[in-house]
Amino acid sequence: MQKPKTLGERELNLITVYSDWEFSMTPNQFYAKWEVSYEQIALICCRSDSTVRGWFKQGKNRRYPNRNDLRHLALMDFLLEHFEEIPEHLQRLFYSASS
């Protein structure tokens, strides 16, 4: 087992910036921009289909996505928009991490 990497000033600063980052996209914004189903949004956000359907309801039974859901959608939007611009060696890391 490898020893954990030490965090330097750059890494600590990156953690601070990331934690304050207001990177988000609502389900309605994502749905309006991309031709996706509620089931695909559920997959992106690691939520059930019924939870995602609740995000699009009106009235007292409406559910609301949390900060992590909004970040998942924003990140997926970013990947859909810019994946070809990501260097190939980083794309390979992305695909190898998902298998």
PDB file of N, CA and C in Angstrom:
ATOM      1  N   MET A   1       0.839  -1.177   0.000  1.00  0.00           N
ATOM      2  CA  MET A   1       0.000   0.000   0.000  1.00  0.00           C
ATOM      3  C   MET A   1       0.888   1.246   0.000  1.00  0.00           C
ATOM      4  N   GLN A   2       0.558   2.195  -0.850  1.00  0.00           N
ATOM      5  CA  GLN A   2       1.334   3.425  -0.946  1.00  0.00           C
ATOM      6  C   GLN A   2       1.004   4.393   0.184  1.00  0.00           C
ATOM      7  N   LYS A   3       2.017   5.156   0.544  1.00  0.00           N
ATOM      8  CA  LYS A   3       1.822   6.208   1.533  1.00  0.00           C
ATOM      9  C   LYS A   3       0.996   7.325   0.898  1.00  0.00           C
ATOM     10  N   PRO A   4       0.015   7.882   1.608  1.00  0.00           N
ATOM     11  CA  PRO A   4      -0.782   8.985   1.047  1.00  0.00           C
ATOM     12  C   PRO A   4       0.101  10.173   0.686  1.00  0.00           C
ATOM     13  N   LYS A   5      -0.285  10.869  -0.371  1.00  0.00           N
ATOM     14  CA  LYS A   5       0.448  12.062  -0.809  1.00  0.00           C
ATOM     15  C   LYS A   5       0.222  13.203   0.182  1.00  0.00           C
ATOM     16  N   THR A   6       1.268  13.949   0.423  1.00  0.00           N
ATOM     17  CA  THR A   6       1.193  15.107   1.296  1.00  0.00           C
ATOM     18  C   THR A   6       0.525  16.260   0.556  1.00  0.00           C
ATOM     19  N   LEU A   7      -0.351  16.969   1.249  1.00  0.00           N
ATOM     20  CA  LEU A   7      -1.001  18.137   0.669  1.00  0.00           C
ATOM     21  C   LEU A   7      -0.150  19.370   0.912  1.00  0.00           C
ATOM     22  N   GLY A   8       0.187  20.038  -0.179  1.00  0.00           N
ATOM     23  CA  GLY A   8       0.920  21.287  -0.081  1.00  0.00           C
ATOM     24  C   GLY A   8      -0.027  22.470  -0.138  1.00  0.00           C
ATOM     25  N   GLU A   9       0.552  23.650  -0.197  1.00  0.00           N
ATOM     26  CA  GLU A   9      -0.249  24.875  -0.243  1.00  0.00           C
ATOM     27  C   GLU A   9      -1.160  24.904  -1.470  1.00  0.00           C
ATOM     28  N   ARG A  10      -0.648  24.470  -2.620  1.00  0.00           N
ATOM     29  CA  ARG A  10      -1.451  24.448  -3.850  1.00  0.00           C
ATOM     30  C   ARG A  10      -2.663  23.542  -3.695  1.00  0.00           C
ATOM     31  N   GLU A  11      -2.464  22.353  -3.156  1.00  0.00           N
ATOM     32  CA  GLU A  11      -3.553  21.397  -2.984  1.00  0.00           C
ATOM     33  C   GLU A  11      -4.579  21.884  -1.964  1.00  0.00           C
ATOM     34  N   LEU A  12      -4.093  22.460  -0.870  1.00  0.00           N
ATOM     35  CA  LEU A  12      -5.008  22.999   0.149  1.00  0.00           C
ATOM     36  C   LEU A  12      -5.829  24.156  -0.415  1.00  0.00           C
ATOM     37  N   ASN A  13      -5.194  24.993  -1.224  1.00  0.00           N
ATOM     38  CA  ASN A  13      -5.908  26.096  -1.874  1.00  0.00           C
ATOM     39  C   ASN A  13      -6.959  25.549  -2.838  1.00  0.00           C
ATOM     40  N   LEU A  14      -6.607  24.522  -3.586  1.00  0.00           N
ATOM     41  CA  LEU A  14      -7.554  23.919  -4.520  1.00  0.00           C
ATOM     42  C   LEU A  14      -8.763  23.351  -3.781  1.00  0.00           C
ATOM     43  N   ILE A  15      -8.552  22.721  -2.642  1.00  0.00           N
ATOM     44  CA  ILE A  15      -9.657  22.191  -1.827  1.00  0.00           C
ATOM     45  C   ILE A  15     -10.570  23.330  -1.367  1.00  0.00           C
ATOM     46  N   THR A  16      -9.980  24.431  -0.936  1.00  0.00           N
ATOM     47  CA  THR A  16     -10.773  25.581  -0.490  1.00  0.00           C
ATOM     48  C   THR A  16     -11.596  26.157  -1.635  1.00  0.00           C
ATOM     49  N   VAL A  17     -10.961  26.339  -2.790  1.00  0.00           N
ATOM     50  CA  VAL A  17     -11.672  26.880  -3.950  1.00  0.00           C
ATOM     51  C   VAL A  17     -12.811  25.944  -4.357  1.00  0.00           C
ATOM     52  N   TYR A  18     -12.537  24.650  -4.395  1.00  0.00           N
ATOM     53  CA  TYR A  18     -13.553  23.673  -4.775  1.00  0.00           C
ATOM     54  C   TYR A  18     -14.739  23.691  -3.803  1.00  0.00           C
ATOM     55  N   SER A  19     -14.457  23.770  -2.522  1.00  0.00           N
ATOM     56  CA  SER A  19     -15.542  23.732  -1.536  1.00  0.00           C
ATOM     57  C   SER A  19     -16.434  24.979  -1.614  1.00  0.00           C
ATOM     58  N   ASP A  20     -15.894  26.086  -2.102  1.00  0.00           N
ATOM     59  CA  ASP A  20     -16.672  27.326  -2.251  1.00  0.00           C
ATOM     60  C   ASP A  20     -17.276  27.495  -3.646  1.00  0.00           C
ATOM     61  N   TRP A  21     -16.975  26.578  -4.539  1.00  0.00           N
ATOM     62  CA  TRP A  21     -17.366  26.680  -5.940  1.00  0.00           C
ATOM     63  C   TRP A  21     -18.872  26.533  -6.085  1.00  0.00           C
ATOM     64  N   GLU A  22     -19.493  27.511  -6.686  1.00  0.00           N
ATOM     65  CA  GLU A  22     -20.938  27.469  -6.932  1.00  0.00           C
ATOM     66  C   GLU A  22     -21.200  26.905  -8.332  1.00  0.00           C
ATOM     67  N   PHE A  23     -20.740  25.693  -8.559  1.00  0.00           N
ATOM     68  CA  PHE A  23     -20.880  25.003  -9.838  1.00  0.00           C
ATOM     69  C   PHE A  23     -22.148  24.172  -9.765  1.00  0.00           C
ATOM     70  N   SER A  24     -23.208  24.652 -10.399  1.00  0.00           N
ATOM     71  CA  SER A  24     -24.471  23.923 -10.297  1.00  0.00           C
ATOM     72  C   SER A  24     -25.335  24.163 -11.522  1.00  0.00           C
ATOM     73  N   MET A  25     -26.233  23.225 -11.746  1.00  0.00           N
ATOM     74  CA  MET A  25     -27.220  23.320 -12.816  1.00  0.00           C
ATOM     75  C   MET A  25     -28.471  22.622 -12.315  1.00  0.00           C
ATOM     76  N   THR A  26     -29.607  23.267 -12.448  1.00  0.00           N
ATOM     77  CA  THR A  26     -30.850  22.668 -11.966  1.00  0.00           C
ATOM     78  C   THR A  26     -31.312  21.567 -12.924  1.00  0.00           C
ATOM     79  N   PRO A  27     -32.124  20.638 -12.424  1.00  0.00           N
ATOM     80  CA  PRO A  27     -32.680  19.622 -13.307  1.00  0.00           C
ATOM     81  C   PRO A  27     -33.464  20.236 -14.477  1.00  0.00           C
ATOM     82  N   ASN A  28     -34.204  21.305 -14.216  1.00  0.00           N
ATOM     83  CA  ASN A  28     -34.958  21.950 -15.297  1.00  0.00           C
ATOM     84  C   ASN A  28     -34.030  22.530 -16.362  1.00  0.00           C
ATOM     85  N   GLN A  29     -32.920  23.153 -15.932  1.00  0.00           N
ATOM     86  CA  GLN A  29     -31.961  23.695 -16.890  1.00  0.00           C
ATOM     87  C   GLN A  29     -31.332  22.575 -17.715  1.00  0.00           C
ATOM     88  N   PHE A  30     -30.949  21.493 -17.054  1.00  0.00           N
ATOM     89  CA  PHE A  30     -30.320  20.373 -17.750  1.00  0.00           C
ATOM     90  C   PHE A  30     -31.302  19.740 -18.733  1.00  0.00           C
ATOM     91  N   TYR A  31     -32.519  19.532 -18.296  1.00  0.00           N
ATOM     92  CA  TYR A  31     -33.554  18.903 -19.125  1.00  0.00           C
ATOM     93  C   TYR A  31     -33.882  19.769 -20.341  1.00  0.00           C
ATOM     94  N   ALA A  32     -33.881  21.084 -20.152  1.00  0.00           N
ATOM     95  CA  ALA A  32     -34.162  21.994 -21.269  1.00  0.00           C
ATOM     96  C   ALA A  32     -33.013  22.036 -22.268  1.00  0.00           C
ATOM     97  N   LYS A  33     -31.802  21.824 -21.791  1.00  0.00           N
ATOM     98  CA  LYS A  33     -30.627  21.917 -22.662  1.00  0.00           C
ATOM     99  C   LYS A  33     -30.347  20.620 -23.419  1.00  0.00           C
ATOM    100  N   TRP A  34     -30.546  19.482 -22.775  1.00  0.00           N
ATOM    101  CA  TRP A  34     -30.197  18.192 -23.353  1.00  0.00           C
ATOM    102  C   TRP A  34     -31.438  17.331 -23.531  1.00  0.00           C
ATOM    103  N   GLU A  35     -31.471  16.552 -24.580  1.00  0.00           N
ATOM    104  CA  GLU A  35     -32.589  15.649 -24.833  1.00  0.00           C
ATOM    105  C   GLU A  35     -32.382  14.373 -24.017  1.00  0.00           C
ATOM    106  N   VAL A  36     -32.766  14.441 -22.754  1.00  0.00           N
ATOM    107  CA  VAL A  36     -32.583  13.330 -21.821  1.00  0.00           C
ATOM    108  C   VAL A  36     -33.906  12.971 -21.173  1.00  0.00           C
ATOM    109  N   SER A  37     -33.930  11.778 -20.624  1.00  0.00           N
ATOM    110  CA  SER A  37     -35.111  11.327 -19.881  1.00  0.00           C
ATOM    111  C   SER A  37     -34.883  11.559 -18.390  1.00  0.00           C
ATOM    112  N   TYR A  38     -35.942  11.466 -17.630  1.00  0.00           N
ATOM    113  CA  TYR A  38     -35.821  11.540 -16.173  1.00  0.00           C
ATOM    114  C   TYR A  38     -34.931  10.397 -15.665  1.00  0.00           C
ATOM    115  N   GLU A  39     -35.038   9.234 -16.322  1.00  0.00           N
ATOM    116  CA  GLU A  39     -34.235   8.080 -15.928  1.00  0.00           C
ATOM    117  C   GLU A  39     -32.741   8.356 -16.123  1.00  0.00           C
ATOM    118  N   GLN A  40     -32.384   9.058 -17.192  1.00  0.00           N
ATOM    119  CA  GLN A  40     -30.983   9.399 -17.418  1.00  0.00           C
ATOM    120  C   GLN A  40     -30.487  10.420 -16.392  1.00  0.00           C
ATOM    121  N   ILE A  41     -31.339  11.360 -16.041  1.00  0.00           N
ATOM    122  CA  ILE A  41     -30.974  12.321 -14.992  1.00  0.00           C
ATOM    123  C   ILE A  41     -30.789  11.582 -13.671  1.00  0.00           C
ATOM    124  N   ALA A  42     -31.652  10.608 -13.388  1.00  0.00           N
ATOM    125  CA  ALA A  42     -31.516   9.802 -12.167  1.00  0.00           C
ATOM    126  C   ALA A  42     -30.175   9.074 -12.162  1.00  0.00           C
ATOM    127  N   LEU A  43     -29.770   8.533 -13.293  1.00  0.00           N
ATOM    128  CA  LEU A  43     -28.491   7.838 -13.399  1.00  0.00           C
ATOM    129  C   LEU A  43     -27.326   8.789 -13.142  1.00  0.00           C
ATOM    130  N   ILE A  44     -27.378   9.974 -13.715  1.00  0.00           N
ATOM    131  CA  ILE A  44     -26.323  10.982 -13.522  1.00  0.00           C
ATOM    132  C   ILE A  44     -26.191  11.355 -12.048  1.00  0.00           C
ATOM    133  N   CYS A  45     -27.317  11.511 -11.370  1.00  0.00           N
ATOM    134  CA  CYS A  45     -27.326  11.996  -9.983  1.00  0.00           C
ATOM    135  C   CYS A  45     -27.337  10.873  -8.946  1.00  0.00           C
ATOM    136  N   CYS A  46     -27.334   9.618  -9.413  1.00  0.00           N
ATOM    137  CA  CYS A  46     -27.400   8.460  -8.487  1.00  0.00           C
ATOM    138  C   CYS A  46     -28.649   8.536  -7.613  1.00  0.00           C
ATOM    139  N   ARG A  47     -29.767   8.820  -8.245  1.00  0.00           N
ATOM    140  CA  ARG A  47     -31.064   8.921  -7.556  1.00  0.00           C
ATOM    141  C   ARG A  47     -32.053   7.961  -8.195  1.00  0.00           C
ATOM    142  N   SER A  48     -33.138   7.719  -7.507  1.00  0.00           N
ATOM    143  CA  SER A  48     -34.195   6.880  -8.078  1.00  0.00           C
ATOM    144  C   SER A  48     -34.983   7.682  -9.106  1.00  0.00           C
ATOM    145  N   ASP A  49     -35.636   6.958  -9.996  1.00  0.00           N
ATOM    146  CA  ASP A  49     -36.485   7.613 -10.995  1.00  0.00           C
ATOM    147  C   ASP A  49     -37.589   8.419 -10.322  1.00  0.00           C
ATOM    148  N   SER A  50     -38.164   7.877  -9.246  1.00  0.00           N
ATOM    149  CA  SER A  50     -39.265   8.586  -8.574  1.00  0.00           C
ATOM    150  C   SER A  50     -38.784   9.874  -7.914  1.00  0.00           C
ATOM    151  N   THR A  51     -37.560   9.881  -7.390  1.00  0.00           N
ATOM    152  CA  THR A  51     -37.015  11.109  -6.810  1.00  0.00           C
ATOM    153  C   THR A  51     -36.882  12.180  -7.878  1.00  0.00           C
ATOM    154  N   VAL A  52     -36.342  11.808  -9.031  1.00  0.00           N
ATOM    155  CA  VAL A  52     -36.163  12.785 -10.116  1.00  0.00           C
ATOM    156  C   VAL A  52     -37.519  13.264 -10.619  1.00  0.00           C
ATOM    157  N   ARG A  53     -38.488  12.375 -10.758  1.00  0.00           N
ATOM    158  CA  ARG A  53     -39.830  12.817 -11.175  1.00  0.00           C
ATOM    159  C   ARG A  53     -40.382  13.828 -10.176  1.00  0.00           C
ATOM    160  N   GLY A  54     -40.079  13.636  -8.899  1.00  0.00           N
ATOM    161  CA  GLY A  54     -40.521  14.570  -7.871  1.00  0.00           C
ATOM    162  C   GLY A  54     -39.925  15.959  -8.025  1.00  0.00           C
ATOM    163  N   TRP A  55     -38.722  16.055  -8.620  1.00  0.00           N
ATOM    164  CA  TRP A  55     -38.096  17.360  -8.862  1.00  0.00           C
ATOM    165  C   TRP A  55     -38.867  18.181  -9.886  1.00  0.00           C
ATOM    166  N   PHE A  56     -39.594  17.504 -10.761  1.00  0.00           N
ATOM    167  CA  PHE A  56     -40.308  18.193 -11.828  1.00  0.00           C
ATOM    168  C   PHE A  56     -41.790  18.402 -11.508  1.00  0.00           C
ATOM    169  N   LYS A  57     -42.246  17.896 -10.377  1.00  0.00           N
ATOM    170  CA  LYS A  57     -43.636  18.090  -9.961  1.00  0.00           C
ATOM    171  C   LYS A  57     -43.845  19.500  -9.433  1.00  0.00           C
ATOM    172  N   GLN A  58     -45.082  19.885  -9.378  1.00  0.00           N
ATOM    173  CA  GLN A  58     -45.483  21.150  -8.760  1.00  0.00           C
ATOM    174  C   GLN A  58     -46.350  20.812  -7.549  1.00  0.00           C
ATOM    175  N   GLY A  59     -46.400  21.702  -6.605  1.00  0.00           N
ATOM    176  CA  GLY A  59     -47.287  21.510  -5.460  1.00  0.00           C
ATOM    177  C   GLY A  59     -46.618  20.890  -4.254  1.00  0.00           C
ATOM    178  N   LYS A  60     -47.439  20.366  -3.351  1.00  0.00           N
ATOM    179  CA  LYS A  60     -46.949  19.925  -2.046  1.00  0.00           C
ATOM    180  C   LYS A  60     -46.092  18.669  -2.109  1.00  0.00           C
ATOM    181  N   ASN A  61     -46.213  17.855  -3.136  1.00  0.00           N
ATOM    182  CA  ASN A  61     -45.422  16.622  -3.245  1.00  0.00           C
ATOM    183  C   ASN A  61     -44.103  16.822  -4.000  1.00  0.00           C
ATOM    184  N   ARG A  62     -43.798  18.055  -4.309  1.00  0.00           N
ATOM    185  CA  ARG A  62     -42.572  18.341  -5.034  1.00  0.00           C
ATOM    186  C   ARG A  62     -41.354  18.048  -4.159  1.00  0.00           C
ATOM    187  N   ARG A  63     -40.324  17.521  -4.778  1.00  0.00           N
ATOM    188  CA  ARG A  63     -39.048  17.293  -4.107  1.00  0.00           C
ATOM    189  C   ARG A  63     -38.020  18.250  -4.690  1.00  0.00           C
ATOM    190  N   TYR A  64     -36.952  18.456  -3.964  1.00  0.00           N
ATOM    191  CA  TYR A  64     -35.917  19.388  -4.406  1.00  0.00           C
ATOM    192  C   TYR A  64     -34.560  18.702  -4.410  1.00  0.00           C
ATOM    193  N   PRO A  65     -33.782  18.919  -5.459  1.00  0.00           N
ATOM    194  CA  PRO A  65     -32.449  18.325  -5.502  1.00  0.00           C
ATOM    195  C   PRO A  65     -31.532  18.999  -4.482  1.00  0.00           C
ATOM    196  N   ASN A  66     -30.542  18.255  -4.008  1.00  0.00           N
ATOM    197  CA  ASN A  66     -29.593  18.854  -3.081  1.00  0.00           C
ATOM    198  C   ASN A  66     -28.374  19.405  -3.848  1.00  0.00           C
ATOM    199  N   ARG A  67     -27.462  19.979  -3.111  1.00  0.00           N
ATOM    200  CA  ARG A  67     -26.283  20.611  -3.718  1.00  0.00           C
ATOM    201  C   ARG A  67     -25.471  19.621  -4.558  1.00  0.00           C
ATOM    202  N   ASN A  68     -25.353  18.384  -4.080  1.00  0.00           N
ATOM    203  CA  ASN A  68     -24.606  17.375  -4.843  1.00  0.00           C
ATOM    204  C   ASN A  68     -25.293  17.026  -6.152  1.00  0.00           C
ATOM    205  N   ASP A  69     -26.617  16.968  -6.151  1.00  0.00           N
ATOM    206  CA  ASP A  69     -27.359  16.703  -7.389  1.00  0.00           C
ATOM    207  C   ASP A  69     -27.091  17.803  -8.415  1.00  0.00           C
ATOM    208  N   LEU A  70     -27.126  19.064  -7.955  1.00  0.00           N
ATOM    209  CA  LEU A  70     -26.890  20.204  -8.846  1.00  0.00           C
ATOM    210  C   LEU A  70     -25.467  20.183  -9.391  1.00  0.00           C
ATOM    211  N   ARG A  71     -24.535  19.748  -8.573  1.00  0.00           N
ATOM    212  CA  ARG A  71     -23.135  19.661  -9.013  1.00  0.00           C
ATOM    213  C   ARG A  71     -22.952  18.524 -10.015  1.00  0.00           C
ATOM    214  N   HIS A  72     -23.611  17.386  -9.773  1.00  0.00           N
ATOM    215  CA  HIS A  72     -23.549  16.279 -10.743  1.00  0.00           C
ATOM    216  C   HIS A  72     -24.050  16.728 -12.114  1.00  0.00           C
ATOM    217  N   LEU A  73     -25.163  17.439 -12.137  1.00  0.00           N
ATOM    218  CA  LEU A  73     -25.720  17.898 -13.407  1.00  0.00           C
ATOM    219  C   LEU A  73     -24.806  18.907 -14.091  1.00  0.00           C
ATOM    220  N   ALA A  74     -24.217  19.813 -13.321  1.00  0.00           N
ATOM    221  CA  ALA A  74     -23.294  20.791 -13.897  1.00  0.00           C
ATOM    222  C   ALA A  74     -22.051  20.111 -14.455  1.00  0.00           C
ATOM    223  N   LEU A  75     -21.535  19.132 -13.735  1.00  0.00           N
ATOM    224  CA  LEU A  75     -20.359  18.409 -14.207  1.00  0.00           C
ATOM    225  C   LEU A  75     -20.679  17.613 -15.471  1.00  0.00           C
ATOM    226  N   MET A  76     -21.835  16.968 -15.512  1.00  0.00           N
ATOM    227  CA  MET A  76     -22.225  16.227 -16.713  1.00  0.00           C
ATOM    228  C   MET A  76     -22.416  17.165 -17.888  1.00  0.00           C
ATOM    229  N   ASP A  77     -22.997  18.330 -17.651  1.00  0.00           N
ATOM    230  CA  ASP A  77     -23.147  19.334 -18.698  1.00  0.00           C
ATOM    231  C   ASP A  77     -21.772  19.747 -19.227  1.00  0.00           C
ATOM    232  N   PHE A  78     -20.840  19.978 -18.324  1.00  0.00           N
ATOM    233  CA  PHE A  78     -19.484  20.349 -18.713  1.00  0.00           C
ATOM    234  C   PHE A  78     -18.842  19.248 -19.562  1.00  0.00           C
ATOM    235  N   LEU A  79     -18.974  17.994 -19.129  1.00  0.00           N
ATOM    236  CA  LEU A  79     -18.403  16.891 -19.891  1.00  0.00           C
ATOM    237  C   LEU A  79     -19.044  16.756 -21.267  1.00  0.00           C
ATOM    238  N   LEU A  80     -20.360  16.896 -21.334  1.00  0.00           N
ATOM    239  CA  LEU A  80     -21.039  16.809 -22.630  1.00  0.00           C
ATOM    240  C   LEU A  80     -20.594  17.927 -23.576  1.00  0.00           C
ATOM    241  N   GLU A  81     -20.380  19.095 -23.027  1.00  0.00           N
ATOM    242  CA  GLU A  81     -19.971  20.248 -23.840  1.00  0.00           C
ATOM    243  C   GLU A  81     -18.501  20.202 -24.254  1.00  0.00           C
ATOM    244  N   HIS A  82     -17.625  19.674 -23.384  1.00  0.00           N
ATOM    245  CA  HIS A  82     -16.189  19.862 -23.581  1.00  0.00           C
ATOM    246  C   HIS A  82     -15.360  18.587 -23.636  1.00  0.00           C
ATOM    247  N   PHE A  83     -15.988  17.428 -23.734  1.00  0.00           N
ATOM    248  CA  PHE A  83     -15.227  16.189 -23.642  1.00  0.00           C
ATOM    249  C   PHE A  83     -14.145  16.084 -24.714  1.00  0.00           C
ATOM    250  N   GLU A  84     -14.436  16.515 -25.934  1.00  0.00           N
ATOM    251  CA  GLU A  84     -13.453  16.426 -27.012  1.00  0.00           C
ATOM    252  C   GLU A  84     -12.243  17.325 -26.769  1.00  0.00           C
ATOM    253  N   GLU A  85     -12.399  18.335 -25.948  1.00  0.00           N
ATOM    254  CA  GLU A  85     -11.294  19.251 -25.645  1.00  0.00           C
ATOM    255  C   GLU A  85     -10.372  18.706 -24.551  1.00  0.00           C
ATOM    256  N   ILE A  86     -10.825  17.687 -23.843  1.00  0.00           N
ATOM    257  CA  ILE A  86     -10.025  17.090 -22.783  1.00  0.00           C
ATOM    258  C   ILE A  86      -8.937  16.231 -23.438  1.00  0.00           C
ATOM    259  N   PRO A  87      -7.688  16.386 -23.019  1.00  0.00           N
ATOM    260  CA  PRO A  87      -6.616  15.585 -23.621  1.00  0.00           C
ATOM    261  C   PRO A  87      -6.922  14.084 -23.559  1.00  0.00           C
ATOM    262  N   GLU A  88      -6.495  13.376 -24.573  1.00  0.00           N
ATOM    263  CA  GLU A  88      -6.817  11.952 -24.718  1.00  0.00           C
ATOM    264  C   GLU A  88      -6.370  11.113 -23.516  1.00  0.00           C
ATOM    265  N   HIS A  89      -5.211  11.411 -22.953  1.00  0.00           N
ATOM    266  CA  HIS A  89      -4.749  10.616 -21.803  1.00  0.00           C
ATOM    267  C   HIS A  89      -5.678  10.806 -20.590  1.00  0.00           C
ATOM    268  N   LEU A  90      -6.291  11.977 -20.454  1.00  0.00           N
ATOM    269  CA  LEU A  90      -7.259  12.194 -19.375  1.00  0.00           C
ATOM    270  C   LEU A  90      -8.590  11.520 -19.694  1.00  0.00           C
ATOM    271  N   GLN A  91      -8.968  11.500 -20.966  1.00  0.00           N
ATOM    272  CA  GLN A  91     -10.172  10.764 -21.358  1.00  0.00           C
ATOM    273  C   GLN A  91     -10.027   9.278 -21.016  1.00  0.00           C
ATOM    274  N   ARG A  92      -8.849   8.734 -21.275  1.00  0.00           N
ATOM    275  CA  ARG A  92      -8.608   7.311 -20.968  1.00  0.00           C
ATOM    276  C   ARG A  92      -8.738   7.068 -19.456  1.00  0.00           C
ATOM    277  N   LEU A  93      -8.235   7.997 -18.644  1.00  0.00           N
ATOM    278  CA  LEU A  93      -8.393   7.861 -17.198  1.00  0.00           C
ATOM    279  C   LEU A  93      -9.867   7.862 -16.810  1.00  0.00           C
ATOM    280  N   PHE A  94     -10.632   8.736 -17.445  1.00  0.00           N
ATOM    281  CA  PHE A  94     -12.065   8.819 -17.173  1.00  0.00           C
ATOM    282  C   PHE A  94     -12.745   7.479 -17.487  1.00  0.00           C
ATOM    283  N   TYR A  95     -12.445   6.937 -18.657  1.00  0.00           N
ATOM    284  CA  TYR A  95     -13.079   5.665 -19.054  1.00  0.00           C
ATOM    285  C   TYR A  95     -12.582   4.498 -18.207  1.00  0.00           C
ATOM    286  N   SER A  96     -11.310   4.471 -17.861  1.00  0.00           N
ATOM    287  CA  SER A  96     -10.794   3.353 -17.066  1.00  0.00           C
ATOM    288  C   SER A  96     -11.356   3.378 -15.644  1.00  0.00           C
ATOM    289  N   ALA A  97     -11.657   4.549 -15.122  1.00  0.00           N
ATOM    290  CA  ALA A  97     -12.218   4.663 -13.773  1.00  0.00           C
ATOM    291  C   ALA A  97     -13.655   4.151 -13.735  1.00  0.00           C
ATOM    292  N   SER A  98     -14.347   4.178 -14.861  1.00  0.00           N
ATOM    293  CA  SER A  98     -15.755   3.766 -14.871  1.00  0.00           C
ATOM    294  C   SER A  98     -15.927   2.275 -15.156  1.00  0.00           C
ATOM    295  N   SER A  99     -14.847   1.564 -15.467  1.00  0.00           N
ATOM    296  CA  SER A  99     -14.992   0.126 -15.764  1.00  0.00           C
ATOM    297  C   SER A  99     -14.654  -0.753 -14.605  1.00  0.00           C
TER     298      SER A  99
END
